[in-house]
Amino acid sequence: MISSPSIGQNVAGDNETVESGCRPSETQTMTAGHAATTRMGLDPETELLSARDSEVSRHAPRILLAEDDNEMRSLMAHLLRRDGYEVVECPNGVGLLDYLSTFLGRSEPEHFDLVISDIRMPGLSGLEVVGGLHRRPDFPPAILMTAFGDAETHAEAKEIGVAAMFDKPFDMHELMAKVRETVPRWGGAGSDCGTNPT
């Protein structure tokens, strides 16, 4: 049995000019690929599989993940998708704000069931973005992560009502458990959409 992966520390620069750099979820990309192969006239069984995958994509809880450490973000996104969630990744606070700008009335509605964000990132911090928007109607619950978890930061996170705050390094199993508690997977706890890493 492989031991539970841990998330390490990460320090971001404070004076960088950044772009959002967000990318669509793997689930969206796969669904688009299925649609393309169906249009190419593959057999009916393939079309049924495509329809099933599209149905799962429509029902899977959607998570916005913001983390400037590429390796850490990739690991977390992989585990979340494996557990049955649809994930949209952002490498910085600017991208996080871009996706959440719907709550400022500046863009078309963008639905997320949960936000998971590092606090210290280039451009804007996760705490600044979540803290500035958390009172907006229908704003999703948030889980924050930090390598600089002093008492003041924890107090500020508690004040804005985050679902959880994780100090790096942390156990990924604990994070996944909190995600499931906050946003149950489609099909419930017994769903075969994904499993714990073993």
C-alpha atoms as a PDB file:
ATOM      1  CA  MET A   1       0.000   0.000   0.000  1.00  0.00           C
ATOM      2  CA  ILE A   2       1.465   3.330  -1.029  1.00  0.00           C
ATOM      3  CA  SER A   3       1.631   5.876   1.765  1.00  0.00           C
ATOM      4  CA  SER A   4      -0.603   8.914   1.618  1.00  0.00           C
ATOM      5  CA  PRO A   5       0.928  11.742  -0.454  1.00  0.00           C
ATOM      6  CA  SER A   6       1.735  14.915   1.460  1.00  0.00           C
ATOM      7  CA  ILE A   7       1.656  18.433   0.166  1.00  0.00           C
ATOM      8  CA  GLY A   8       4.856  20.418   0.689  1.00  0.00           C
ATOM      9  CA  GLN A   9       5.624  24.078   1.142  1.00  0.00           C
ATOM     10  CA  ASN A  10       5.434  26.673  -1.594  1.00  0.00           C
ATOM     11  CA  VAL A  11       6.595  30.298  -1.706  1.00  0.00           C
ATOM     12  CA  ALA A  12       5.285  32.631  -4.434  1.00  0.00           C
ATOM     13  CA  GLY A  13       6.769  35.909  -5.646  1.00  0.00           C
ATOM     14  CA  ASP A  14       4.852  39.027  -4.711  1.00  0.00           C
ATOM     15  CA  ASN A  15       5.799  41.385  -7.554  1.00  0.00           C
ATOM     16  CA  GLU A  16       5.094  39.389 -10.693  1.00  0.00           C
ATOM     17  CA  THR A  17       2.875  40.345 -13.615  1.00  0.00           C
ATOM     18  CA  VAL A  18       0.658  37.336 -14.152  1.00  0.00           C
ATOM     19  CA  GLU A  19      -2.047  36.108 -16.476  1.00  0.00           C
ATOM     20  CA  SER A  20      -4.900  33.880 -15.432  1.00  0.00           C
ATOM     21  CA  GLY A  21      -3.540  30.722 -17.114  1.00  0.00           C
ATOM     22  CA  CYS A  22      -6.641  28.713 -16.225  1.00  0.00           C
ATOM     23  CA  ARG A  23      -7.430  25.642 -18.253  1.00  0.00           C
ATOM     24  CA  PRO A  24     -10.596  23.584 -18.753  1.00  0.00           C
ATOM     25  CA  SER A  25     -11.074  20.419 -16.813  1.00  0.00           C
ATOM     26  CA  GLU A  26      -9.877  17.061 -18.048  1.00  0.00           C
ATOM     27  CA  THR A  27     -13.481  15.868 -17.974  1.00  0.00           C
ATOM     28  CA  GLN A  28     -14.547  18.599 -20.388  1.00  0.00           C
ATOM     29  CA  THR A  29     -11.694  17.740 -22.748  1.00  0.00           C
ATOM     30  CA  MET A  30     -12.524  14.030 -22.694  1.00  0.00           C
ATOM     31  CA  THR A  31     -16.217  14.700 -23.305  1.00  0.00           C
ATOM     32  CA  ALA A  32     -15.370  16.888 -26.290  1.00  0.00           C
ATOM     33  CA  GLY A  33     -13.190  14.075 -27.644  1.00  0.00           C
ATOM     34  CA  HIS A  34     -16.049  11.566 -27.361  1.00  0.00           C
ATOM     35  CA  ALA A  35     -18.370  13.942 -29.200  1.00  0.00           C
ATOM     36  CA  ALA A  36     -15.855  14.253 -32.020  1.00  0.00           C
ATOM     37  CA  THR A  37     -15.463  10.481 -32.439  1.00  0.00           C
ATOM     38  CA  THR A  38     -19.260  10.061 -32.479  1.00  0.00           C
ATOM     39  CA  ARG A  39     -19.517  12.566 -35.317  1.00  0.00           C
ATOM     40  CA  MET A  40     -16.979  10.441 -37.200  1.00  0.00           C
ATOM     41  CA  GLY A  41     -19.565   7.645 -37.339  1.00  0.00           C
ATOM     42  CA  LEU A  42     -18.257   5.095 -34.831  1.00  0.00           C
ATOM     43  CA  ASP A  43     -20.391   2.153 -33.716  1.00  0.00           C
ATOM     44  CA  PRO A  44     -23.533   2.564 -31.513  1.00  0.00           C
ATOM     45  CA  GLU A  45     -21.721   1.182 -28.437  1.00  0.00           C
ATOM     46  CA  THR A  46     -19.219   4.031 -28.656  1.00  0.00           C
ATOM     47  CA  GLU A  47     -22.090   6.513 -28.919  1.00  0.00           C
ATOM     48  CA  LEU A  48     -23.688   5.044 -25.777  1.00  0.00           C
ATOM     49  CA  LEU A  49     -20.389   5.370 -23.894  1.00  0.00           C
ATOM     50  CA  SER A  50     -20.129   8.974 -25.045  1.00  0.00           C
ATOM     51  CA  ALA A  51     -23.651   9.723 -23.776  1.00  0.00           C
ATOM     52  CA  ARG A  52     -22.863   8.100 -20.419  1.00  0.00           C
ATOM     53  CA  ASP A  53     -19.654  10.112 -20.017  1.00  0.00           C
ATOM     54  CA  SER A  54     -21.497  13.314 -20.867  1.00  0.00           C
ATOM     55  CA  GLU A  55     -24.107  12.497 -18.218  1.00  0.00           C
ATOM     56  CA  VAL A  56     -21.398  11.957 -15.588  1.00  0.00           C
ATOM     57  CA  SER A  57     -19.758  15.240 -16.581  1.00  0.00           C
ATOM     58  CA  ARG A  58     -23.048  17.118 -16.151  1.00  0.00           C
ATOM     59  CA  HIS A  59     -23.616  15.712 -12.663  1.00  0.00           C
ATOM     60  CA  ALA A  60     -20.093  15.589 -11.192  1.00  0.00           C
ATOM     61  CA  PRO A  61     -19.487  18.281  -8.554  1.00  0.00           C
ATOM     62  CA  ARG A  62     -17.310  21.040 -10.031  1.00  0.00           C
ATOM     63  CA  ILE A  63     -14.225  22.255  -8.173  1.00  0.00           C
ATOM     64  CA  LEU A  64     -12.114  25.333  -8.911  1.00  0.00           C
ATOM     65  CA  LEU A  65      -8.525  24.604  -7.854  1.00  0.00           C
ATOM     66  CA  ALA A  66      -6.010  27.464  -7.548  1.00  0.00           C
ATOM     67  CA  GLU A  67      -2.378  26.617  -6.747  1.00  0.00           C
ATOM     68  CA  ASP A  68       0.762  28.178  -8.230  1.00  0.00           C
ATOM     69  CA  ASP A  69       2.970  25.129  -7.666  1.00  0.00           C
ATOM     70  CA  ASN A  70       2.422  23.160 -10.895  1.00  0.00           C
ATOM     71  CA  GLU A  71       3.398  19.774  -9.482  1.00  0.00           C
ATOM     72  CA  MET A  72       1.202  20.175  -6.422  1.00  0.00           C
ATOM     73  CA  ARG A  73      -1.752  21.390  -8.478  1.00  0.00           C
ATOM     74  CA  SER A  74      -1.422  18.479 -10.911  1.00  0.00           C
ATOM     75  CA  LEU A  75      -1.336  15.943  -8.075  1.00  0.00           C
ATOM     76  CA  MET A  76      -4.373  17.430  -6.370  1.00  0.00           C
ATOM     77  CA  ALA A  77      -6.337  17.714  -9.629  1.00  0.00           C
ATOM     78  CA  HIS A  78      -5.521  14.090 -10.489  1.00  0.00           C
ATOM     79  CA  LEU A  79      -6.741  12.807  -7.114  1.00  0.00           C
ATOM     80  CA  LEU A  80      -9.900  14.921  -7.226  1.00  0.00           C
ATOM     81  CA  ARG A  81     -10.787  13.712 -10.737  1.00  0.00           C
ATOM     82  CA  ARG A  82     -10.054  10.139  -9.745  1.00  0.00           C
ATOM     83  CA  ASP A  83     -12.486  10.623  -6.865  1.00  0.00           C
ATOM     84  CA  GLY A  84     -15.291  11.667  -9.217  1.00  0.00           C
ATOM     85  CA  TYR A  85     -14.997  15.458  -9.310  1.00  0.00           C
ATOM     86  CA  GLU A  86     -14.729  17.779 -12.292  1.00  0.00           C
ATOM     87  CA  VAL A  87     -11.770  20.130 -11.817  1.00  0.00           C
ATOM     88  CA  VAL A  88     -10.854  23.483 -13.335  1.00  0.00           C
ATOM     89  CA  GLU A  89      -7.246  24.465 -12.606  1.00  0.00           C
ATOM     90  CA  CYS A  90      -5.792  27.950 -12.069  1.00  0.00           C
ATOM     91  CA  PRO A  91      -2.090  28.707 -11.464  1.00  0.00           C
ATOM     92  CA  ASN A  92      -2.531  32.058  -9.685  1.00  0.00           C
ATOM     93  CA  GLY A  93      -4.889  34.464  -7.948  1.00  0.00           C
ATOM     94  CA  VAL A  94      -5.666  36.367 -11.149  1.00  0.00           C
ATOM     95  CA  GLY A  95      -7.059  33.223 -12.746  1.00  0.00           C
ATOM     96  CA  LEU A  96      -9.038  32.493  -9.598  1.00  0.00           C
ATOM     97  CA  LEU A  97     -10.630  35.927  -9.736  1.00  0.00           C
ATOM     98  CA  ASP A  98     -11.324  35.584 -13.472  1.00  0.00           C
ATOM     99  CA  TYR A  99     -13.376  32.444 -12.904  1.00  0.00           C
ATOM    100  CA  LEU A 100     -15.157  33.894  -9.881  1.00  0.00           C
ATOM    101  CA  SER A 101     -15.871  37.264 -11.506  1.00  0.00           C
ATOM    102  CA  THR A 102     -19.381  36.008 -12.248  1.00  0.00           C
ATOM    103  CA  PHE A 103     -20.120  36.926  -8.626  1.00  0.00           C
ATOM    104  CA  LEU A 104     -19.270  40.533  -9.519  1.00  0.00           C
ATOM    105  CA  GLY A 105     -21.690  40.463 -12.443  1.00  0.00           C
ATOM    106  CA  ARG A 106     -18.886  40.859 -14.987  1.00  0.00           C
ATOM    107  CA  SER A 107     -19.282  37.621 -16.918  1.00  0.00           C
ATOM    108  CA  GLU A 108     -21.614  34.794 -17.832  1.00  0.00           C
ATOM    109  CA  PRO A 109     -22.574  32.530 -14.901  1.00  0.00           C
ATOM    110  CA  GLU A 110     -19.857  30.009 -14.020  1.00  0.00           C
ATOM    111  CA  HIS A 111     -20.951  27.329 -11.566  1.00  0.00           C
ATOM    112  CA  PHE A 112     -18.614  25.797  -8.987  1.00  0.00           C
ATOM    113  CA  ASP A 113     -19.531  23.629  -6.011  1.00  0.00           C
ATOM    114  CA  LEU A 114     -16.251  24.229  -4.169  1.00  0.00           C
ATOM    115  CA  VAL A 115     -13.170  26.458  -4.331  1.00  0.00           C
ATOM    116  CA  ILE A 116      -9.815  25.070  -3.188  1.00  0.00           C
ATOM    117  CA  SER A 117      -7.080  27.694  -3.130  1.00  0.00           C
ATOM    118  CA  ASP A 118      -3.579  28.317  -1.929  1.00  0.00           C
ATOM    119  CA  ILE A 119      -3.313  31.571  -0.022  1.00  0.00           C
ATOM    120  CA  ARG A 120       0.006  32.989  -1.234  1.00  0.00           C
ATOM    121  CA  MET A 121       0.078  33.141  -5.044  1.00  0.00           C
ATOM    122  CA  PRO A 122       1.301  35.607  -7.698  1.00  0.00           C
ATOM    123  CA  GLY A 123      -1.031  38.495  -8.464  1.00  0.00           C
ATOM    124  CA  LEU A 124      -3.659  38.025  -5.776  1.00  0.00           C
ATOM    125  CA  SER A 125      -3.812  35.796  -2.729  1.00  0.00           C
ATOM    126  CA  GLY A 126      -6.501  33.190  -2.306  1.00  0.00           C
ATOM    127  CA  LEU A 127      -7.519  34.879   0.925  1.00  0.00           C
ATOM    128  CA  GLU A 128      -7.987  38.223  -0.858  1.00  0.00           C
ATOM    129  CA  VAL A 129     -10.148  36.710  -3.590  1.00  0.00           C
ATOM    130  CA  VAL A 130     -12.303  34.524  -1.355  1.00  0.00           C
ATOM    131  CA  GLY A 131     -12.474  37.210   1.326  1.00  0.00           C
ATOM    132  CA  GLY A 132     -13.675  39.788  -1.182  1.00  0.00           C
ATOM    133  CA  LEU A 133     -16.416  37.600  -2.641  1.00  0.00           C
ATOM    134  CA  HIS A 134     -17.609  35.276   0.113  1.00  0.00           C
ATOM    135  CA  ARG A 135     -20.672  37.406   0.980  1.00  0.00           C
ATOM    136  CA  ARG A 136     -21.991  37.309  -2.583  1.00  0.00           C
ATOM    137  CA  PRO A 137     -25.165  35.239  -3.101  1.00  0.00           C
ATOM    138  CA  ASP A 138     -24.528  31.583  -3.917  1.00  0.00           C
ATOM    139  CA  PHE A 139     -20.765  31.854  -3.454  1.00  0.00           C
ATOM    140  CA  PRO A 140     -19.439  28.290  -3.061  1.00  0.00           C
ATOM    141  CA  PRO A 141     -17.718  26.997   0.072  1.00  0.00           C
ATOM    142  CA  ALA A 142     -13.934  27.360   0.113  1.00  0.00           C
ATOM    143  CA  ILE A 143     -10.982  25.362   1.405  1.00  0.00           C
ATOM    144  CA  LEU A 144      -7.718  27.287   1.802  1.00  0.00           C
ATOM    145  CA  MET A 145      -4.119  26.036   2.015  1.00  0.00           C
ATOM    146  CA  THR A 146      -0.991  27.828   3.213  1.00  0.00           C
ATOM    147  CA  ALA A 147       2.630  27.316   4.142  1.00  0.00           C
ATOM    148  CA  PHE A 148       2.395  30.430   6.314  1.00  0.00           C
ATOM    149  CA  GLY A 149      -0.370  29.488   8.717  1.00  0.00           C
ATOM    150  CA  ASP A 150       0.115  31.998  11.508  1.00  0.00           C
ATOM    151  CA  ALA A 151      -2.623  32.763  14.013  1.00  0.00           C
ATOM    152  CA  GLU A 152      -3.661  35.959  12.189  1.00  0.00           C
ATOM    153  CA  THR A 153      -4.138  34.127   8.886  1.00  0.00           C
ATOM    154  CA  HIS A 154      -6.202  31.404  10.552  1.00  0.00           C
ATOM    155  CA  ALA A 155      -8.328  34.024  12.313  1.00  0.00           C
ATOM    156  CA  GLU A 156      -8.984  35.856   9.031  1.00  0.00           C
ATOM    157  CA  ALA A 157      -9.920  32.598   7.282  1.00  0.00           C
ATOM    158  CA  LYS A 158     -12.300  31.725  10.113  1.00  0.00           C
ATOM    159  CA  GLU A 159     -13.848  35.187   9.951  1.00  0.00           C
ATOM    160  CA  ILE A 160     -14.772  34.793   6.271  1.00  0.00           C
ATOM    161  CA  GLY A 161     -16.234  31.357   6.948  1.00  0.00           C
ATOM    162  CA  VAL A 162     -13.979  29.003   4.989  1.00  0.00           C
ATOM    163  CA  ALA A 163     -14.924  25.338   5.235  1.00  0.00           C
ATOM    164  CA  ALA A 164     -11.373  24.370   6.233  1.00  0.00           C
ATOM    165  CA  MET A 165      -7.816  25.649   6.415  1.00  0.00           C
ATOM    166  CA  PHE A 166      -4.865  23.333   5.790  1.00  0.00           C
ATOM    167  CA  ASP A 167      -1.294  24.136   6.814  1.00  0.00           C
ATOM    168  CA  LYS A 168       1.375  22.754   4.481  1.00  0.00           C
ATOM    169  CA  PRO A 169       2.645  20.112   4.555  1.00  0.00           C
ATOM    170  CA  PHE A 170      -0.605  18.189   5.009  1.00  0.00           C
ATOM    171  CA  ASP A 171      -1.967  14.716   4.360  1.00  0.00           C
ATOM    172  CA  MET A 172      -3.885  14.494   1.082  1.00  0.00           C
ATOM    173  CA  HIS A 173      -6.280  11.922   2.578  1.00  0.00           C
ATOM    174  CA  GLU A 174      -7.367  14.502   5.135  1.00  0.00           C
ATOM    175  CA  LEU A 175      -7.985  17.063   2.399  1.00  0.00           C
ATOM    176  CA  MET A 176      -9.963  14.562   0.312  1.00  0.00           C
ATOM    177  CA  ALA A 177     -12.065  13.631   3.338  1.00  0.00           C
ATOM    178  CA  LYS A 178     -12.904  17.305   3.890  1.00  0.00           C
ATOM    179  CA  VAL A 179     -13.769  17.747   0.208  1.00  0.00           C
ATOM    180  CA  ARG A 180     -16.187  14.783   0.367  1.00  0.00           C
ATOM    181  CA  GLU A 181     -17.721  16.138   3.549  1.00  0.00           C
ATOM    182  CA  THR A 182     -18.210  19.585   2.011  1.00  0.00           C
ATOM    183  CA  VAL A 183     -19.309  18.472  -1.471  1.00  0.00           C
ATOM    184  CA  PRO A 184     -20.465  14.832  -1.683  1.00  0.00           C
ATOM    185  CA  ARG A 185     -19.669  13.108  -4.949  1.00  0.00           C
ATOM    186  CA  TRP A 186     -22.414  12.435  -7.487  1.00  0.00           C
ATOM    187  CA  GLY A 187     -24.017   9.132  -6.485  1.00  0.00           C
ATOM    188  CA  GLY A 188     -23.151   9.535  -2.798  1.00  0.00           C
ATOM    189  CA  ALA A 189     -20.329   8.157  -0.680  1.00  0.00           C
ATOM    190  CA  GLY A 190     -20.630   4.719  -2.247  1.00  0.00           C
ATOM    191  CA  SER A 191     -20.350   6.003  -5.798  1.00  0.00           C
ATOM    192  CA  ASP A 192     -17.904   4.235  -8.058  1.00  0.00           C
ATOM    193  CA  CYS A 193     -16.953   7.551  -9.685  1.00  0.00           C
ATOM    194  CA  GLY A 194     -13.657   7.443  -7.803  1.00  0.00           C
ATOM    195  CA  THR A 195     -11.775   5.983  -4.877  1.00  0.00           C
ATOM    196  CA  ASN A 196      -9.210   6.976  -2.328  1.00  0.00           C
ATOM    197  CA  PRO A 197      -5.613   6.689  -3.461  1.00  0.00           C
ATOM    198  CA  THR A 198      -4.222   3.395  -2.144  1.00  0.00           C
END
